[in-house]
Amino acid sequence: MQEGCTVNLTVKYIARKWTLLILLELYKGEGHTRRFSELKSCLFGITQKVLSARLRELEKEGLVKNRVDSTSFPVKSEYTLTQSGLEIIDIVKDMKRWALRWKITNIKCGCQDCNQCVL
């Protein structure tokens, strides 16, 4: 596969640790929006530095938009999935359906819709 191949470039980006999990947590938020602190508390084991870096990357790629409210202290950052971000969630759901169909087992995960997933 060539270095500049669209599939190669996309997989390199999407496969980065935490990227899809961040997108899924945003998807579960009301209006597909979560504050930085909410994301941090939902993503067990992620550091603040990594979360911040991944969110900047997702924003740069157009999958997430950031709204900063500096009228109060502490400053609040809210991240929302863009249309592009919502479309990638459909791909994640397809992967989940595939995994469940072909018996890739995960005892904790039997929910067909990631938006309803409580884990």
PDB file of N, CA and C in Angstrom:
ATOM      1  N   MET A   1       0.846  -1.168   0.000  1.00  0.00           N
ATOM      2  CA  MET A   1       0.000   0.000   0.000  1.00  0.00           C
ATOM      3  C   MET A   1       0.898   1.240   0.000  1.00  0.00           C
ATOM      4  N   GLN A   2       0.538   2.178  -0.820  1.00  0.00           N
ATOM      5  CA  GLN A   2       1.330   3.401  -0.938  1.00  0.00           C
ATOM      6  C   GLN A   2       1.116   4.317   0.270  1.00  0.00           C
ATOM      7  N   GLU A   3       2.138   5.063   0.602  1.00  0.00           N
ATOM      8  CA  GLU A   3       2.109   5.968   1.749  1.00  0.00           C
ATOM      9  C   GLU A   3       0.962   6.980   1.658  1.00  0.00           C
ATOM     10  N   GLY A   4       0.696   7.495   0.470  1.00  0.00           N
ATOM     11  CA  GLY A   4      -0.334   8.513   0.291  1.00  0.00           C
ATOM     12  C   GLY A   4      -1.724   7.967   0.057  1.00  0.00           C
ATOM     13  N   CYS A   5      -1.906   6.654   0.144  1.00  0.00           N
ATOM     14  CA  CYS A   5      -3.211   6.025  -0.078  1.00  0.00           C
ATOM     15  C   CYS A   5      -4.226   6.552   0.944  1.00  0.00           C
ATOM     16  N   THR A   6      -5.412   6.869   0.486  1.00  0.00           N
ATOM     17  CA  THR A   6      -6.456   7.401   1.362  1.00  0.00           C
ATOM     18  C   THR A   6      -6.761   6.442   2.512  1.00  0.00           C
ATOM     19  N   VAL A   7      -6.853   5.156   2.229  1.00  0.00           N
ATOM     20  CA  VAL A   7      -7.135   4.179   3.284  1.00  0.00           C
ATOM     21  C   VAL A   7      -5.989   4.161   4.296  1.00  0.00           C
ATOM     22  N   ASN A   8      -4.770   4.149   3.811  1.00  0.00           N
ATOM     23  CA  ASN A   8      -3.601   4.140   4.687  1.00  0.00           C
ATOM     24  C   ASN A   8      -3.600   5.368   5.598  1.00  0.00           C
ATOM     25  N   LEU A   9      -3.810   6.522   5.040  1.00  0.00           N
ATOM     26  CA  LEU A   9      -3.799   7.755   5.826  1.00  0.00           C
ATOM     27  C   LEU A   9      -4.949   7.785   6.839  1.00  0.00           C
ATOM     28  N   THR A  10      -6.113   7.322   6.425  1.00  0.00           N
ATOM     29  CA  THR A  10      -7.277   7.315   7.313  1.00  0.00           C
ATOM     30  C   THR A  10      -7.068   6.359   8.475  1.00  0.00           C
ATOM     31  N   VAL A  11      -6.575   5.168   8.187  1.00  0.00           N
ATOM     32  CA  VAL A  11      -6.338   4.186   9.250  1.00  0.00           C
ATOM     33  C   VAL A  11      -5.290   4.706  10.231  1.00  0.00           C
ATOM     34  N   LYS A  12      -4.242   5.319   9.737  1.00  0.00           N
ATOM     35  CA  LYS A  12      -3.215   5.869  10.638  1.00  0.00           C
ATOM     36  C   LYS A  12      -3.821   6.892  11.592  1.00  0.00           C
ATOM     37  N   TYR A  13      -4.725   7.687  11.097  1.00  0.00           N
ATOM     38  CA  TYR A  13      -5.333   8.727  11.927  1.00  0.00           C
ATOM     39  C   TYR A  13      -6.346   8.124  12.902  1.00  0.00           C
ATOM     40  N   ILE A  14      -7.265   7.343  12.401  1.00  0.00           N
ATOM     41  CA  ILE A  14      -8.350   6.800  13.216  1.00  0.00           C
ATOM     42  C   ILE A  14      -7.850   5.784  14.239  1.00  0.00           C
ATOM     43  N   ALA A  15      -6.797   5.076  13.911  1.00  0.00           N
ATOM     44  CA  ALA A  15      -6.293   4.022  14.795  1.00  0.00           C
ATOM     45  C   ALA A  15      -5.496   4.557  15.986  1.00  0.00           C
ATOM     46  N   ARG A  16      -5.278   5.837  16.045  1.00  0.00           N
ATOM     47  CA  ARG A  16      -4.543   6.394  17.194  1.00  0.00           C
ATOM     48  C   ARG A  16      -5.304   6.115  18.467  1.00  0.00           C
ATOM     49  N   LYS A  17      -4.581   5.753  19.499  1.00  0.00           N
ATOM     50  CA  LYS A  17      -5.195   5.410  20.773  1.00  0.00           C
ATOM     51  C   LYS A  17      -6.093   6.540  21.261  1.00  0.00           C
ATOM     52  N   TRP A  18      -7.274   6.189  21.700  1.00  0.00           N
ATOM     53  CA  TRP A  18      -8.299   7.035  22.281  1.00  0.00           C
ATOM     54  C   TRP A  18      -9.187   7.748  21.253  1.00  0.00           C
ATOM     55  N   THR A  19      -8.787   7.840  20.004  1.00  0.00           N
ATOM     56  CA  THR A  19      -9.528   8.641  19.029  1.00  0.00           C
ATOM     57  C   THR A  19     -10.980   8.189  18.910  1.00  0.00           C
ATOM     58  N   LEU A  20     -11.217   6.927  18.620  1.00  0.00           N
ATOM     59  CA  LEU A  20     -12.594   6.454  18.456  1.00  0.00           C
ATOM     60  C   LEU A  20     -13.370   6.503  19.763  1.00  0.00           C
ATOM     61  N   LEU A  21     -12.699   6.240  20.873  1.00  0.00           N
ATOM     62  CA  LEU A  21     -13.393   6.290  22.160  1.00  0.00           C
ATOM     63  C   LEU A  21     -13.843   7.706  22.502  1.00  0.00           C
ATOM     64  N   ILE A  22     -13.042   8.681  22.162  1.00  0.00           N
ATOM     65  CA  ILE A  22     -13.428  10.082  22.373  1.00  0.00           C
ATOM     66  C   ILE A  22     -14.645  10.403  21.521  1.00  0.00           C
ATOM     67  N   LEU A  23     -14.621   9.997  20.268  1.00  0.00           N
ATOM     68  CA  LEU A  23     -15.761  10.249  19.379  1.00  0.00           C
ATOM     69  C   LEU A  23     -17.028   9.587  19.917  1.00  0.00           C
ATOM     70  N   LEU A  24     -16.902   8.356  20.402  1.00  0.00           N
ATOM     71  CA  LEU A  24     -18.068   7.655  20.954  1.00  0.00           C
ATOM     72  C   LEU A  24     -18.606   8.350  22.202  1.00  0.00           C
ATOM     73  N   GLU A  25     -17.728   8.839  23.056  1.00  0.00           N
ATOM     74  CA  GLU A  25     -18.188   9.546  24.251  1.00  0.00           C
ATOM     75  C   GLU A  25     -18.892  10.852  23.871  1.00  0.00           C
ATOM     76  N   LEU A  26     -18.398  11.536  22.853  1.00  0.00           N
ATOM     77  CA  LEU A  26     -19.084  12.737  22.383  1.00  0.00           C
ATOM     78  C   LEU A  26     -20.461  12.385  21.835  1.00  0.00           C
ATOM     79  N   TYR A  27     -20.544  11.295  21.123  1.00  0.00           N
ATOM     80  CA  TYR A  27     -21.805  10.835  20.546  1.00  0.00           C
ATOM     81  C   TYR A  27     -22.843  10.575  21.636  1.00  0.00           C
ATOM     82  N   LYS A  28     -22.406  10.064  22.768  1.00  0.00           N
ATOM     83  CA  LYS A  28     -23.318   9.748  23.862  1.00  0.00           C
ATOM     84  C   LYS A  28     -23.788  10.990  24.615  1.00  0.00           C
ATOM     85  N   GLY A  29     -23.096  12.099  24.447  1.00  0.00           N
ATOM     86  CA  GLY A  29     -23.463  13.320  25.160  1.00  0.00           C
ATOM     87  C   GLY A  29     -24.732  13.943  24.602  1.00  0.00           C
ATOM     88  N   GLU A  30     -25.419  14.708  25.445  1.00  0.00           N
ATOM     89  CA  GLU A  30     -26.632  15.400  25.003  1.00  0.00           C
ATOM     90  C   GLU A  30     -26.273  16.370  23.876  1.00  0.00           C
ATOM     91  N   GLY A  31     -26.943  16.226  22.752  1.00  0.00           N
ATOM     92  CA  GLY A  31     -26.618  17.036  21.577  1.00  0.00           C
ATOM     93  C   GLY A  31     -25.263  16.695  21.001  1.00  0.00           C
ATOM     94  N   HIS A  32     -24.760  15.501  21.324  1.00  0.00           N
ATOM     95  CA  HIS A  32     -23.440  15.026  20.894  1.00  0.00           C
ATOM     96  C   HIS A  32     -22.343  15.985  21.348  1.00  0.00           C
ATOM     97  N   THR A  33     -22.546  16.511  22.567  1.00  0.00           N
ATOM     98  CA  THR A  33     -21.642  17.501  23.146  1.00  0.00           C
ATOM     99  C   THR A  33     -21.241  17.065  24.552  1.00  0.00           C
ATOM    100  N   ARG A  34     -19.991  17.294  24.881  1.00  0.00           N
ATOM    101  CA  ARG A  34     -19.502  17.050  26.239  1.00  0.00           C
ATOM    102  C   ARG A  34     -18.454  18.093  26.584  1.00  0.00           C
ATOM    103  N   ARG A  35     -18.386  18.397  27.876  1.00  0.00           N
ATOM    104  CA  ARG A  35     -17.319  19.264  28.351  1.00  0.00           C
ATOM    105  C   ARG A  35     -16.056  18.442  28.505  1.00  0.00           C
ATOM    106  N   PHE A  36     -14.916  19.114  28.492  1.00  0.00           N
ATOM    107  CA  PHE A  36     -13.620  18.453  28.639  1.00  0.00           C
ATOM    108  C   PHE A  36     -13.604  17.583  29.889  1.00  0.00           C
ATOM    109  N   SER A  37     -14.077  18.133  30.998  1.00  0.00           N
ATOM    110  CA  SER A  37     -14.055  17.397  32.266  1.00  0.00           C
ATOM    111  C   SER A  37     -14.930  16.148  32.213  1.00  0.00           C
ATOM    112  N   GLU A  38     -16.044  16.211  31.484  1.00  0.00           N
ATOM    113  CA  GLU A  38     -16.902  15.031  31.335  1.00  0.00           C
ATOM    114  C   GLU A  38     -16.183  13.943  30.548  1.00  0.00           C
ATOM    115  N   LEU A  39     -15.537  14.349  29.473  1.00  0.00           N
ATOM    116  CA  LEU A  39     -14.788  13.376  28.674  1.00  0.00           C
ATOM    117  C   LEU A  39     -13.700  12.728  29.508  1.00  0.00           C
ATOM    118  N   LYS A  40     -12.975  13.539  30.258  1.00  0.00           N
ATOM    119  CA  LYS A  40     -11.883  13.023  31.084  1.00  0.00           C
ATOM    120  C   LYS A  40     -12.400  11.984  32.072  1.00  0.00           C
ATOM    121  N   SER A  41     -13.554  12.241  32.680  1.00  0.00           N
ATOM    122  CA  SER A  41     -14.078  11.308  33.679  1.00  0.00           C
ATOM    123  C   SER A  41     -14.657  10.035  33.044  1.00  0.00           C
ATOM    124  N   CYS A  42     -15.054  10.092  31.785  1.00  0.00           N
ATOM    125  CA  CYS A  42     -15.615   8.914  31.101  1.00  0.00           C
ATOM    126  C   CYS A  42     -14.539   8.011  30.499  1.00  0.00           C
ATOM    127  N   LEU A  43     -13.390   8.559  30.227  1.00  0.00           N
ATOM    128  CA  LEU A  43     -12.329   7.817  29.549  1.00  0.00           C
ATOM    129  C   LEU A  43     -11.268   7.408  30.570  1.00  0.00           C
ATOM    130  N   PHE A  44     -11.510   6.301  31.211  1.00  0.00           N
ATOM    131  CA  PHE A  44     -10.631   5.830  32.279  1.00  0.00           C
ATOM    132  C   PHE A  44      -9.235   5.549  31.746  1.00  0.00           C
ATOM    133  N   GLY A  45      -8.253   6.198  32.365  1.00  0.00           N
ATOM    134  CA  GLY A  45      -6.866   5.967  32.003  1.00  0.00           C
ATOM    135  C   GLY A  45      -6.263   6.988  31.064  1.00  0.00           C
ATOM    136  N   ILE A  46      -7.081   7.842  30.463  1.00  0.00           N
ATOM    137  CA  ILE A  46      -6.533   8.860  29.557  1.00  0.00           C
ATOM    138  C   ILE A  46      -5.974  10.010  30.397  1.00  0.00           C
ATOM    139  N   THR A  47      -4.849  10.536  29.971  1.00  0.00           N
ATOM    140  CA  THR A  47      -4.284  11.685  30.676  1.00  0.00           C
ATOM    141  C   THR A  47      -4.877  12.967  30.099  1.00  0.00           C
ATOM    142  N   GLN A  48      -4.822  14.016  30.872  1.00  0.00           N
ATOM    143  CA  GLN A  48      -5.330  15.317  30.422  1.00  0.00           C
ATOM    144  C   GLN A  48      -4.573  15.774  29.177  1.00  0.00           C
ATOM    145  N   LYS A  49      -3.277  15.541  29.160  1.00  0.00           N
ATOM    146  CA  LYS A  49      -2.434  15.945  28.032  1.00  0.00           C
ATOM    147  C   LYS A  49      -2.843  15.214  26.750  1.00  0.00           C
ATOM    148  N   VAL A  50      -3.062  13.902  26.840  1.00  0.00           N
ATOM    149  CA  VAL A  50      -3.445  13.120  25.657  1.00  0.00           C
ATOM    150  C   VAL A  50      -4.841  13.511  25.193  1.00  0.00           C
ATOM    151  N   LEU A  51      -5.780  13.667  26.122  1.00  0.00           N
ATOM    152  CA  LEU A  51      -7.131  14.070  25.749  1.00  0.00           C
ATOM    153  C   LEU A  51      -7.113  15.409  25.034  1.00  0.00           C
ATOM    154  N   SER A  52      -6.373  16.344  25.566  1.00  0.00           N
ATOM    155  CA  SER A  52      -6.267  17.663  24.950  1.00  0.00           C
ATOM    156  C   SER A  52      -5.681  17.577  23.544  1.00  0.00           C
ATOM    157  N   ALA A  53      -4.631  16.779  23.394  1.00  0.00           N
ATOM    158  CA  ALA A  53      -3.991  16.623  22.080  1.00  0.00           C
ATOM    159  C   ALA A  53      -4.938  15.974  21.078  1.00  0.00           C
ATOM    160  N   ARG A  54      -5.634  14.912  21.498  1.00  0.00           N
ATOM    161  CA  ARG A  54      -6.548  14.218  20.585  1.00  0.00           C
ATOM    162  C   ARG A  54      -7.701  15.130  20.181  1.00  0.00           C
ATOM    163  N   LEU A  55      -8.226  15.899  21.122  1.00  0.00           N
ATOM    164  CA  LEU A  55      -9.315  16.810  20.793  1.00  0.00           C
ATOM    165  C   LEU A  55      -8.861  17.872  19.801  1.00  0.00           C
ATOM    166  N   ARG A  56      -7.641  18.363  19.954  1.00  0.00           N
ATOM    167  CA  ARG A  56      -7.109  19.334  18.981  1.00  0.00           C
ATOM    168  C   ARG A  56      -6.997  18.697  17.600  1.00  0.00           C
ATOM    169  N   GLU A  57      -6.525  17.440  17.553  1.00  0.00           N
ATOM    170  CA  GLU A  57      -6.414  16.731  16.270  1.00  0.00           C
ATOM    171  C   GLU A  57      -7.787  16.526  15.639  1.00  0.00           C
ATOM    172  N   LEU A  58      -8.755  16.124  16.453  1.00  0.00           N
ATOM    173  CA  LEU A  58     -10.107  15.909  15.941  1.00  0.00           C
ATOM    174  C   LEU A  58     -10.720  17.212  15.434  1.00  0.00           C
ATOM    175  N   GLU A  59     -10.427  18.293  16.128  1.00  0.00           N
ATOM    176  CA  GLU A  59     -10.916  19.609  15.690  1.00  0.00           C
ATOM    177  C   GLU A  59     -10.251  20.006  14.372  1.00  0.00           C
ATOM    178  N   LYS A  60      -8.951  19.794  14.267  1.00  0.00           N
ATOM    179  CA  LYS A  60      -8.213  20.125  13.048  1.00  0.00           C
ATOM    180  C   LYS A  60      -8.743  19.337  11.850  1.00  0.00           C
ATOM    181  N   GLU A  61      -9.118  18.068  12.096  1.00  0.00           N
ATOM    182  CA  GLU A  61      -9.643  17.215  11.025  1.00  0.00           C
ATOM    183  C   GLU A  61     -11.107  17.496  10.712  1.00  0.00           C
ATOM    184  N   GLY A  62     -11.756  18.337  11.506  1.00  0.00           N
ATOM    185  CA  GLY A  62     -13.144  18.701  11.242  1.00  0.00           C
ATOM    186  C   GLY A  62     -14.166  17.715  11.779  1.00  0.00           C
ATOM    187  N   LEU A  63     -13.763  16.831  12.684  1.00  0.00           N
ATOM    188  CA  LEU A  63     -14.694  15.861  13.258  1.00  0.00           C
ATOM    189  C   LEU A  63     -15.372  16.407  14.520  1.00  0.00           C
ATOM    190  N   VAL A  64     -14.734  17.404  15.119  1.00  0.00           N
ATOM    191  CA  VAL A  64     -15.199  17.978  16.379  1.00  0.00           C
ATOM    192  C   VAL A  64     -15.073  19.487  16.295  1.00  0.00           C
ATOM    193  N   LYS A  65     -16.015  20.183  16.923  1.00  0.00           N
ATOM    194  CA  LYS A  65     -15.850  21.636  17.062  1.00  0.00           C
ATOM    195  C   LYS A  65     -15.823  21.962  18.544  1.00  0.00           C
ATOM    196  N   ASN A  66     -15.062  22.984  18.877  1.00  0.00           N
ATOM    197  CA  ASN A  66     -14.857  23.387  20.267  1.00  0.00           C
ATOM    198  C   ASN A  66     -15.483  24.747  20.484  1.00  0.00           C
ATOM    199  N   ARG A  67     -16.239  24.844  21.577  1.00  0.00           N
ATOM    200  CA  ARG A  67     -16.803  26.131  21.980  1.00  0.00           C
ATOM    201  C   ARG A  67     -16.273  26.434  23.374  1.00  0.00           C
ATOM    202  N   VAL A  68     -15.619  27.580  23.510  1.00  0.00           N
ATOM    203  CA  VAL A  68     -15.027  27.978  24.782  1.00  0.00           C
ATOM    204  C   VAL A  68     -15.882  29.074  25.407  1.00  0.00           C
ATOM    205  N   ASP A  69     -16.261  28.867  26.649  1.00  0.00           N
ATOM    206  CA  ASP A  69     -17.007  29.862  27.413  1.00  0.00           C
ATOM    207  C   ASP A  69     -16.069  30.428  28.468  1.00  0.00           C
ATOM    208  N   SER A  70     -15.575  31.623  28.207  1.00  0.00           N
ATOM    209  CA  SER A  70     -14.616  32.242  29.127  1.00  0.00           C
ATOM    210  C   SER A  70     -15.283  33.281  30.032  1.00  0.00           C
ATOM    211  N   THR A  71     -16.621  33.283  30.067  1.00  0.00           N
ATOM    212  CA  THR A  71     -17.322  34.254  30.902  1.00  0.00           C
ATOM    213  C   THR A  71     -17.335  33.852  32.364  1.00  0.00           C
ATOM    214  N   SER A  72     -16.952  32.619  32.654  1.00  0.00           N
ATOM    215  CA  SER A  72     -16.915  32.174  34.046  1.00  0.00           C
ATOM    216  C   SER A  72     -15.568  31.528  34.327  1.00  0.00           C
ATOM    217  N   PHE A  73     -15.345  31.287  35.610  1.00  0.00           N
ATOM    218  CA  PHE A  73     -14.108  30.606  35.992  1.00  0.00           C
ATOM    219  C   PHE A  73     -14.487  29.347  36.737  1.00  0.00           C
ATOM    220  N   PRO A  74     -13.920  28.219  36.416  1.00  0.00           N
ATOM    221  CA  PRO A  74     -12.920  28.025  35.366  1.00  0.00           C
ATOM    222  C   PRO A  74     -13.553  28.095  33.975  1.00  0.00           C
ATOM    223  N   VAL A  75     -12.710  28.362  32.992  1.00  0.00           N
ATOM    224  CA  VAL A  75     -13.145  28.428  31.608  1.00  0.00           C
ATOM    225  C   VAL A  75     -13.705  27.063  31.215  1.00  0.00           C
ATOM    226  N   LYS A  76     -14.815  27.066  30.491  1.00  0.00           N
ATOM    227  CA  LYS A  76     -15.460  25.822  30.086  1.00  0.00           C
ATOM    228  C   LYS A  76     -15.270  25.593  28.587  1.00  0.00           C
ATOM    229  N   SER A  77     -14.820  24.402  28.245  1.00  0.00           N
ATOM    230  CA  SER A  77     -14.703  24.007  26.843  1.00  0.00           C
ATOM    231  C   SER A  77     -15.700  22.905  26.569  1.00  0.00           C
ATOM    232  N   GLU A  78     -16.523  23.112  25.551  1.00  0.00           N
ATOM    233  CA  GLU A  78     -17.471  22.094  25.133  1.00  0.00           C
ATOM    234  C   GLU A  78     -17.097  21.629  23.738  1.00  0.00           C
ATOM    235  N   TYR A  79     -17.108  20.324  23.565  1.00  0.00           N
ATOM    236  CA  TYR A  79     -16.769  19.719  22.284  1.00  0.00           C
ATOM    237  C   TYR A  79     -18.004  19.038  21.731  1.00  0.00           C
ATOM    238  N   THR A  80     -18.252  19.257  20.440  1.00  0.00           N
ATOM    239  CA  THR A  80     -19.427  18.712  19.766  1.00  0.00           C
ATOM    240  C   THR A  80     -18.997  18.024  18.483  1.00  0.00           C
ATOM    241  N   LEU A  81     -19.640  16.891  18.194  1.00  0.00           N
ATOM    242  CA  LEU A  81     -19.379  16.217  16.917  1.00  0.00           C
ATOM    243  C   LEU A  81     -19.919  17.051  15.777  1.00  0.00           C
ATOM    244  N   THR A  82     -19.173  17.155  14.712  1.00  0.00           N
ATOM    245  CA  THR A  82     -19.638  17.797  13.490  1.00  0.00           C
ATOM    246  C   THR A  82     -20.368  16.746  12.659  1.00  0.00           C
ATOM    247  N   GLN A  83     -20.902  17.139  11.514  1.00  0.00           N
ATOM    248  CA  GLN A  83     -21.545  16.177  10.623  1.00  0.00           C
ATOM    249  C   GLN A  83     -20.559  15.073  10.225  1.00  0.00           C
ATOM    250  N   SER A  84     -19.335  15.443   9.971  1.00  0.00           N
ATOM    251  CA  SER A  84     -18.295  14.471   9.643  1.00  0.00           C
ATOM    252  C   SER A  84     -18.068  13.507  10.799  1.00  0.00           C
ATOM    253  N   GLY A  85     -18.047  14.022  12.017  1.00  0.00           N
ATOM    254  CA  GLY A  85     -17.880  13.185  13.198  1.00  0.00           C
ATOM    255  C   GLY A  85     -19.041  12.230  13.385  1.00  0.00           C
ATOM    256  N   LEU A  86     -20.270  12.721  13.120  1.00  0.00           N
ATOM    257  CA  LEU A  86     -21.444  11.859  13.222  1.00  0.00           C
ATOM    258  C   LEU A  86     -21.403  10.737  12.195  1.00  0.00           C
ATOM    259  N   GLU A  87     -20.901  11.032  11.013  1.00  0.00           N
ATOM    260  CA  GLU A  87     -20.830  10.006   9.977  1.00  0.00           C
ATOM    261  C   GLU A  87     -19.838   8.904  10.324  1.00  0.00           C
ATOM    262  N   ILE A  88     -18.761   9.249  11.004  1.00  0.00           N
ATOM    263  CA  ILE A  88     -17.801   8.209  11.387  1.00  0.00           C
ATOM    264  C   ILE A  88     -18.398   7.305  12.469  1.00  0.00           C
ATOM    265  N   ILE A  89     -19.329   7.822  13.256  1.00  0.00           N
ATOM    266  CA  ILE A  89     -20.011   6.997  14.255  1.00  0.00           C
ATOM    267  C   ILE A  89     -20.794   5.882  13.550  1.00  0.00           C
ATOM    268  N   ASP A  90     -21.368   6.188  12.401  1.00  0.00           N
ATOM    269  CA  ASP A  90     -22.072   5.151  11.636  1.00  0.00           C
ATOM    270  C   ASP A  90     -21.124   4.015  11.253  1.00  0.00           C
ATOM    271  N   ILE A  91     -19.893   4.357  10.940  1.00  0.00           N
ATOM    272  CA  ILE A  91     -18.891   3.340  10.597  1.00  0.00           C
ATOM    273  C   ILE A  91     -18.555   2.502  11.831  1.00  0.00           C
ATOM    274  N   VAL A  92     -18.435   3.161  12.980  1.00  0.00           N
ATOM    275  CA  VAL A  92     -18.152   2.443  14.229  1.00  0.00           C
ATOM    276  C   VAL A  92     -19.303   1.481  14.545  1.00  0.00           C
ATOM    277  N   LYS A  93     -20.541   1.937  14.356  1.00  0.00           N
ATOM    278  CA  LYS A  93     -21.697   1.060  14.585  1.00  0.00           C
ATOM    279  C   LYS A  93     -21.662  -0.142  13.640  1.00  0.00           C
ATOM    280  N   ASP A  94     -21.281   0.093  12.395  1.00  0.00           N
ATOM    281  CA  ASP A  94     -21.157  -1.018  11.444  1.00  0.00           C
ATOM    282  C   ASP A  94     -20.104  -2.018  11.910  1.00  0.00           C
ATOM    283  N   MET A  95     -18.977  -1.523  12.416  1.00  0.00           N
ATOM    284  CA  MET A  95     -17.938  -2.421  12.931  1.00  0.00           C
ATOM    285  C   MET A  95     -18.467  -3.234  14.107  1.00  0.00           C
ATOM    286  N   LYS A  96     -19.248  -2.591  14.957  1.00  0.00           N
ATOM    287  CA  LYS A  96     -19.806  -3.286  16.111  1.00  0.00           C
ATOM    288  C   LYS A  96     -20.774  -4.375  15.667  1.00  0.00           C
ATOM    289  N   ARG A  97     -21.648  -4.056  14.703  1.00  0.00           N
ATOM    290  CA  ARG A  97     -22.583  -5.058  14.184  1.00  0.00           C
ATOM    291  C   ARG A  97     -21.826  -6.241  13.594  1.00  0.00           C
ATOM    292  N   TRP A  98     -20.757  -5.940  12.862  1.00  0.00           N
ATOM    293  CA  TRP A  98     -19.939  -6.997  12.275  1.00  0.00           C
ATOM    294  C   TRP A  98     -19.348  -7.880  13.371  1.00  0.00           C
ATOM    295  N   ALA A  99     -18.790  -7.252  14.391  1.00  0.00           N
ATOM    296  CA  ALA A  99     -18.159  -8.011  15.473  1.00  0.00           C
ATOM    297  C   ALA A  99     -19.173  -8.884  16.207  1.00  0.00           C
ATOM    298  N   LEU A 100     -20.361  -8.347  16.479  1.00  0.00           N
ATOM    299  CA  LEU A 100     -21.376  -9.126  17.167  1.00  0.00           C
ATOM    300  C   LEU A 100     -21.892 -10.263  16.286  1.00  0.00           C
ATOM    301  N   ARG A 101     -22.017 -10.013  14.999  1.00  0.00           N
ATOM    302  CA  ARG A 101     -22.499 -11.044  14.072  1.00  0.00           C
ATOM    303  C   ARG A 101     -21.511 -12.199  13.970  1.00  0.00           C
ATOM    304  N   TRP A 102     -20.233 -11.894  13.934  1.00  0.00           N
ATOM    305  CA  TRP A 102     -19.230 -12.916  13.735  1.00  0.00           C
ATOM    306  C   TRP A 102     -18.646 -13.415  15.050  1.00  0.00           C
ATOM    307  N   LYS A 103     -19.375 -13.193  16.108  1.00  0.00           N
ATOM    308  CA  LYS A 103     -19.068 -13.790  17.410  1.00  0.00           C
ATOM    309  C   LYS A 103     -17.750 -13.329  18.023  1.00  0.00           C
ATOM    310  N   ILE A 104     -17.353 -12.125  17.709  1.00  0.00           N
ATOM    311  CA  ILE A 104     -16.227 -11.556  18.432  1.00  0.00           C
ATOM    312  C   ILE A 104     -16.820 -11.128  19.762  1.00  0.00           C
ATOM    313  N   THR A 105     -16.580 -11.921  20.772  1.00  0.00           N
ATOM    314  CA  THR A 105     -17.329 -11.776  22.014  1.00  0.00           C
ATOM    315  C   THR A 105     -16.757 -10.715  22.938  1.00  0.00           C
ATOM    316  N   ASN A 106     -17.680 -10.077  23.566  1.00  0.00           N
ATOM    317  CA  ASN A 106     -17.380  -9.117  24.611  1.00  0.00           C
ATOM    318  C   ASN A 106     -18.565  -9.198  25.560  1.00  0.00           C
ATOM    319  N   ILE A 107     -18.401  -9.876  26.654  1.00  0.00           N
ATOM    320  CA  ILE A 107     -19.502 -10.126  27.574  1.00  0.00           C
ATOM    321  C   ILE A 107     -20.178  -8.829  28.012  1.00  0.00           C
ATOM    322  N   LYS A 108     -19.408  -7.796  28.183  1.00  0.00           N
ATOM    323  CA  LYS A 108     -19.973  -6.533  28.665  1.00  0.00           C
ATOM    324  C   LYS A 108     -20.716  -5.771  27.577  1.00  0.00           C
ATOM    325  N   CYS A 109     -20.548  -6.144  26.336  1.00  0.00           N
ATOM    326  CA  CYS A 109     -21.109  -5.349  25.248  1.00  0.00           C
ATOM    327  C   CYS A 109     -22.080  -6.170  24.418  1.00  0.00           C
ATOM    328  N   GLY A 110     -23.330  -5.909  24.563  1.00  0.00           N
ATOM    329  CA  GLY A 110     -24.333  -6.561  23.741  1.00  0.00           C
ATOM    330  C   GLY A 110     -25.308  -5.550  23.165  1.00  0.00           C
ATOM    331  N   CYS A 111     -25.113  -4.304  23.486  1.00  0.00           N
ATOM    332  CA  CYS A 111     -25.995  -3.234  23.027  1.00  0.00           C
ATOM    333  C   CYS A 111     -25.708  -2.919  21.558  1.00  0.00           C
ATOM    334  N   GLN A 112     -26.745  -2.899  20.756  1.00  0.00           N
ATOM    335  CA  GLN A 112     -26.557  -2.650  19.331  1.00  0.00           C
ATOM    336  C   GLN A 112     -26.307  -1.168  19.013  1.00  0.00           C
ATOM    337  N   ASP A 113     -26.804  -0.269  19.839  1.00  0.00           N
ATOM    338  CA  ASP A 113     -26.660   1.148  19.569  1.00  0.00           C
ATOM    339  C   ASP A 113     -25.703   1.779  20.578  1.00  0.00           C
ATOM    340  N   CYS A 114     -24.558   2.250  20.101  1.00  0.00           N
ATOM    341  CA  CYS A 114     -23.531   2.797  20.993  1.00  0.00           C
ATOM    342  C   CYS A 114     -24.054   3.981  21.800  1.00  0.00           C
ATOM    343  N   ASN A 115     -25.082   4.670  21.295  1.00  0.00           N
ATOM    344  CA  ASN A 115     -25.639   5.805  22.016  1.00  0.00           C
ATOM    345  C   ASN A 115     -26.315   5.355  23.310  1.00  0.00           C
ATOM    346  N   GLN A 116     -26.813   4.123  23.336  1.00  0.00           N
ATOM    347  CA  GLN A 116     -27.486   3.583  24.512  1.00  0.00           C
ATOM    348  C   GLN A 116     -26.548   2.828  25.438  1.00  0.00           C
ATOM    349  N   CYS A 117     -25.315   2.645  25.011  1.00  0.00           N
ATOM    350  CA  CYS A 117     -24.340   1.883  25.784  1.00  0.00           C
ATOM    351  C   CYS A 117     -24.013   2.626  27.079  1.00  0.00           C
ATOM    352  N   VAL A 118     -24.039   1.895  28.174  1.00  0.00           N
ATOM    353  CA  VAL A 118     -23.762   2.544  29.459  1.00  0.00           C
ATOM    354  C   VAL A 118     -22.323   2.336  29.900  1.00  0.00           C
ATOM    355  N   LEU A 119     -21.559   1.535  29.172  1.00  0.00           N
ATOM    356  CA  LEU A 119     -20.171   1.299  29.565  1.00  0.00           C
ATOM    357  C   LEU A 119     -19.235   2.258  28.910  1.00  0.00           C
TER     358      LEU A 119
END
